[in-house]
Amino acid sequence: MEKRLEVDIQLIVHATEDLEKILATFKETFDIDREDFDMQNLTGHFENPIIMLHAKIKKKKAQFFVKKLVASIPKEQINTIIEDLENRYDDSTLYLRIGKQSLVKGEIVLSDREPVKIKIFTPIYKQADIEDTFTRLLTQGTI
């Protein structure tokens, strides 16, 4: 039996970006439907409209997302995450940021610029197991 897995995805869509294209990318790449996202209309600093997208996926959909994500991130970036793992998790949650623009272009790369923020949660009860669990997740796509 696999452990419980939850994925939380958050990103901002600016007025100059194509919301439909971004949503289509999530559907094509990760099988995340438009209905999986909560959309919040906000106003930016200069009164420009922005949309906050937030999705929380669980069970098989979360497992599929993680496997696809890990398989798509370049190996050298996976190694970078693993080397810096202690700075990328808190308790049972792994934090990643991937580039929104590169995702729309069909590439998944780590980026802090205009990121898609991803939180991957799985219950880990022993502190000593955290790094091993997340290393396995990043190298095998499973926990």
Foldseek 3Di string as FASTA:
>chain_A
DAFKKKKKKKAKAFPVDDPVLLQVLCCVQQVQHPVQWDWDWDADPVRGIMIMIMGMDTDPSRLSNLLSLLVQEDPVQLVVCLVVVVVQDDQFKGKFWWASVVSSVVHTYGDPPRTTIMIMGTHDDDPVCRSVQVNCCNVPSGD
